[in-house]
Amino acid sequence: MFSGGDYQEVGRWVANFVTAHAKRARLEAEAVIDTEGAREGKSYGVRLRLGRRLCPAAPEPPLDLDYAEVAARRGNLAWCAELAARVASLARGCAQADQGSRHPA
């Protein structure tokens, strides 16, 4: 039903999907999708922004989503559920790290 699409259309879907599922775990989370350079037309690099913080933070690599895989599988509910869980886990981990940096032990 939602499978296929060109790189930009699928990229918009990725941004909306990631934002929606990140916000379920942490309301202030926003998706940051890298589509430039070597990624253009091939993949999406996904990070979350909470305030000024990006997760995963450099030098860790972003969550990497292959364009062809997303285009083919975004209509698959099981695949979407797995991706939603990965995004929510990333948002929770980022929020915990953020809280830890504000409240030293």
C-alpha atoms as a PDB file:
ATOM      1  CA  MET A   1       0.000   0.000   0.000  1.00  0.00           C
ATOM      2  CA  PHE A   2       2.741   2.539   0.914  1.00  0.00           C
ATOM      3  CA  SER A   3       5.650   0.761  -0.735  1.00  0.00           C
ATOM      4  CA  GLY A   4       7.756   2.359  -3.426  1.00  0.00           C
ATOM      5  CA  GLY A   5       8.333   6.019  -4.168  1.00  0.00           C
ATOM      6  CA  ASP A   6      11.229   8.191  -5.236  1.00  0.00           C
ATOM      7  CA  TYR A   7      14.072   9.124  -2.906  1.00  0.00           C
ATOM      8  CA  GLN A   8      12.537  12.434  -1.792  1.00  0.00           C
ATOM      9  CA  GLU A   9       9.083  10.983  -1.163  1.00  0.00           C
ATOM     10  CA  VAL A  10      10.506   8.104   0.859  1.00  0.00           C
ATOM     11  CA  GLY A  11      12.721  10.600   2.722  1.00  0.00           C
ATOM     12  CA  ARG A  12       9.651  12.620   3.753  1.00  0.00           C
ATOM     13  CA  TRP A  13       8.042   9.403   4.971  1.00  0.00           C
ATOM     14  CA  VAL A  14      11.197   8.562   6.984  1.00  0.00           C
ATOM     15  CA  ALA A  15      11.233  12.030   8.593  1.00  0.00           C
ATOM     16  CA  ASN A  16       7.535  11.838   9.510  1.00  0.00           C
ATOM     17  CA  PHE A  17       7.762   8.251  10.755  1.00  0.00           C
ATOM     18  CA  VAL A  18      10.863   8.879  12.860  1.00  0.00           C
ATOM     19  CA  THR A  19       9.467  12.094  14.347  1.00  0.00           C
ATOM     20  CA  ALA A  20       6.146  10.474  15.240  1.00  0.00           C
ATOM     21  CA  HIS A  21       7.710   7.466  16.944  1.00  0.00           C
ATOM     22  CA  ALA A  22      10.461   9.441  18.678  1.00  0.00           C
ATOM     23  CA  LYS A  23       7.853  11.827  20.114  1.00  0.00           C
ATOM     24  CA  ARG A  24       5.973   8.890  21.605  1.00  0.00           C
ATOM     25  CA  ALA A  25       9.054   8.171  23.715  1.00  0.00           C
ATOM     26  CA  ARG A  26      10.159  11.772  24.274  1.00  0.00           C
ATOM     27  CA  LEU A  27       7.836  14.612  23.269  1.00  0.00           C
ATOM     28  CA  GLU A  28      10.551  17.137  22.435  1.00  0.00           C
ATOM     29  CA  ALA A  29      12.443  14.770  20.095  1.00  0.00           C
ATOM     30  CA  GLU A  30      12.828  15.820  16.471  1.00  0.00           C
ATOM     31  CA  ALA A  31      14.139  13.806  13.531  1.00  0.00           C
ATOM     32  CA  VAL A  32      17.311  14.938  11.776  1.00  0.00           C
ATOM     33  CA  ILE A  33      17.652  13.136   8.465  1.00  0.00           C
ATOM     34  CA  ASP A  34      20.923  13.290   6.519  1.00  0.00           C
ATOM     35  CA  THR A  35      20.443  12.869   2.779  1.00  0.00           C
ATOM     36  CA  GLU A  36      23.507  14.683   1.449  1.00  0.00           C
ATOM     37  CA  GLY A  37      26.854  13.685  -0.003  1.00  0.00           C
ATOM     38  CA  ALA A  38      27.438   9.976  -0.445  1.00  0.00           C
ATOM     39  CA  ARG A  39      23.957   9.241   0.952  1.00  0.00           C
ATOM     40  CA  GLU A  40      22.069  11.142  -1.737  1.00  0.00           C
ATOM     41  CA  GLY A  41      19.746   8.784  -3.568  1.00  0.00           C
ATOM     42  CA  LYS A  42      21.022   5.763  -1.599  1.00  0.00           C
ATOM     43  CA  SER A  43      20.340   6.021   2.128  1.00  0.00           C
ATOM     44  CA  TYR A  44      19.178   8.120   5.061  1.00  0.00           C
ATOM     45  CA  GLY A  45      21.208   8.868   8.180  1.00  0.00           C
ATOM     46  CA  VAL A  46      18.867   9.278  11.144  1.00  0.00           C
ATOM     47  CA  ARG A  47      19.629  11.142  14.338  1.00  0.00           C
ATOM     48  CA  LEU A  48      17.338  12.648  16.942  1.00  0.00           C
ATOM     49  CA  ARG A  49      17.595  16.159  18.312  1.00  0.00           C
ATOM     50  CA  LEU A  50      16.629  16.851  21.915  1.00  0.00           C
ATOM     51  CA  GLY A  51      17.294  20.532  22.513  1.00  0.00           C
ATOM     52  CA  ARG A  52      20.854  21.100  21.350  1.00  0.00           C
ATOM     53  CA  ARG A  53      21.844  17.455  21.667  1.00  0.00           C
ATOM     54  CA  LEU A  54      21.990  15.007  18.743  1.00  0.00           C
ATOM     55  CA  CYS A  55      21.657  11.264  19.280  1.00  0.00           C
ATOM     56  CA  PRO A  56      23.555   9.271  18.447  1.00  0.00           C
ATOM     57  CA  ALA A  57      26.246  11.895  18.984  1.00  0.00           C
ATOM     58  CA  ALA A  58      29.337  12.025  16.811  1.00  0.00           C
ATOM     59  CA  PRO A  59      31.565  10.139  16.371  1.00  0.00           C
ATOM     60  CA  GLU A  60      28.903   7.407  16.579  1.00  0.00           C
ATOM     61  CA  PRO A  61      27.257   6.752  13.228  1.00  0.00           C
ATOM     62  CA  PRO A  62      23.604   7.636  12.726  1.00  0.00           C
ATOM     63  CA  LEU A  63      20.913   5.010  12.331  1.00  0.00           C
ATOM     64  CA  ASP A  64      21.413   4.054   8.677  1.00  0.00           C
ATOM     65  CA  LEU A  65      18.371   3.298   6.531  1.00  0.00           C
ATOM     66  CA  ASP A  66      18.857   2.045   2.987  1.00  0.00           C
ATOM     67  CA  TYR A  67      16.568   3.821   0.503  1.00  0.00           C
ATOM     68  CA  ALA A  68      15.714   0.668  -1.467  1.00  0.00           C
ATOM     69  CA  GLU A  69      14.842  -1.246   1.704  1.00  0.00           C
ATOM     70  CA  VAL A  70      12.665   1.539   3.107  1.00  0.00           C
ATOM     71  CA  ALA A  71      10.903   2.019  -0.223  1.00  0.00           C
ATOM     72  CA  ALA A  72      10.190  -1.708  -0.484  1.00  0.00           C
ATOM     73  CA  ARG A  73       9.229  -2.351   3.145  1.00  0.00           C
ATOM     74  CA  ARG A  74       7.503   0.795   4.441  1.00  0.00           C
ATOM     75  CA  GLY A  75       4.153  -0.858   3.724  1.00  0.00           C
ATOM     76  CA  ASN A  76       5.060  -3.888   5.855  1.00  0.00           C
ATOM     77  CA  LEU A  77       3.604  -3.525   9.354  1.00  0.00           C
ATOM     78  CA  ALA A  78       6.087  -5.890  11.006  1.00  0.00           C
ATOM     79  CA  TRP A  79       9.029  -4.018   9.502  1.00  0.00           C
ATOM     80  CA  CYS A  80       7.515  -0.676  10.557  1.00  0.00           C
ATOM     81  CA  ALA A  81       6.973  -1.968  14.104  1.00  0.00           C
ATOM     82  CA  GLU A  82      10.632  -3.004  14.298  1.00  0.00           C
ATOM     83  CA  LEU A  83      11.780   0.404  13.036  1.00  0.00           C
ATOM     84  CA  ALA A  84       9.423   2.167  15.459  1.00  0.00           C
ATOM     85  CA  ALA A  85      10.951   0.193  18.347  1.00  0.00           C
ATOM     86  CA  ARG A  86      14.476   1.148  17.232  1.00  0.00           C
ATOM     87  CA  VAL A  87      13.520   4.833  17.040  1.00  0.00           C
ATOM     88  CA  ALA A  88      11.772   4.786  20.431  1.00  0.00           C
ATOM     89  CA  SER A  89      14.797   3.079  21.991  1.00  0.00           C
ATOM     90  CA  LEU A  90      17.083   5.727  20.525  1.00  0.00           C
ATOM     91  CA  ALA A  91      14.835   8.504  21.899  1.00  0.00           C
ATOM     92  CA  ARG A  92      14.727   6.934  25.372  1.00  0.00           C
ATOM     93  CA  GLY A  93      18.494   6.431  25.396  1.00  0.00           C
ATOM     94  CA  CYS A  94      19.081  10.013  24.324  1.00  0.00           C
ATOM     95  CA  ALA A  95      16.721  11.307  27.005  1.00  0.00           C
ATOM     96  CA  GLN A  96      18.449   9.219  29.698  1.00  0.00           C
ATOM     97  CA  ALA A  97      21.878  10.452  28.608  1.00  0.00           C
ATOM     98  CA  ASP A  98      20.555  14.029  28.608  1.00  0.00           C
ATOM     99  CA  GLN A  99      19.184  13.659  32.133  1.00  0.00           C
ATOM    100  CA  GLY A 100      22.451  12.120  33.285  1.00  0.00           C
ATOM    101  CA  SER A 101      24.460  15.048  31.924  1.00  0.00           C
ATOM    102  CA  ARG A 102      22.259  17.563  33.771  1.00  0.00           C
ATOM    103  CA  HIS A 103      22.298  15.685  37.081  1.00  0.00           C
ATOM    104  CA  PRO A 104      25.842  14.532  37.865  1.00  0.00           C
ATOM    105  CA  ALA A 105      26.175  11.805  40.462  1.00  0.00           C
END
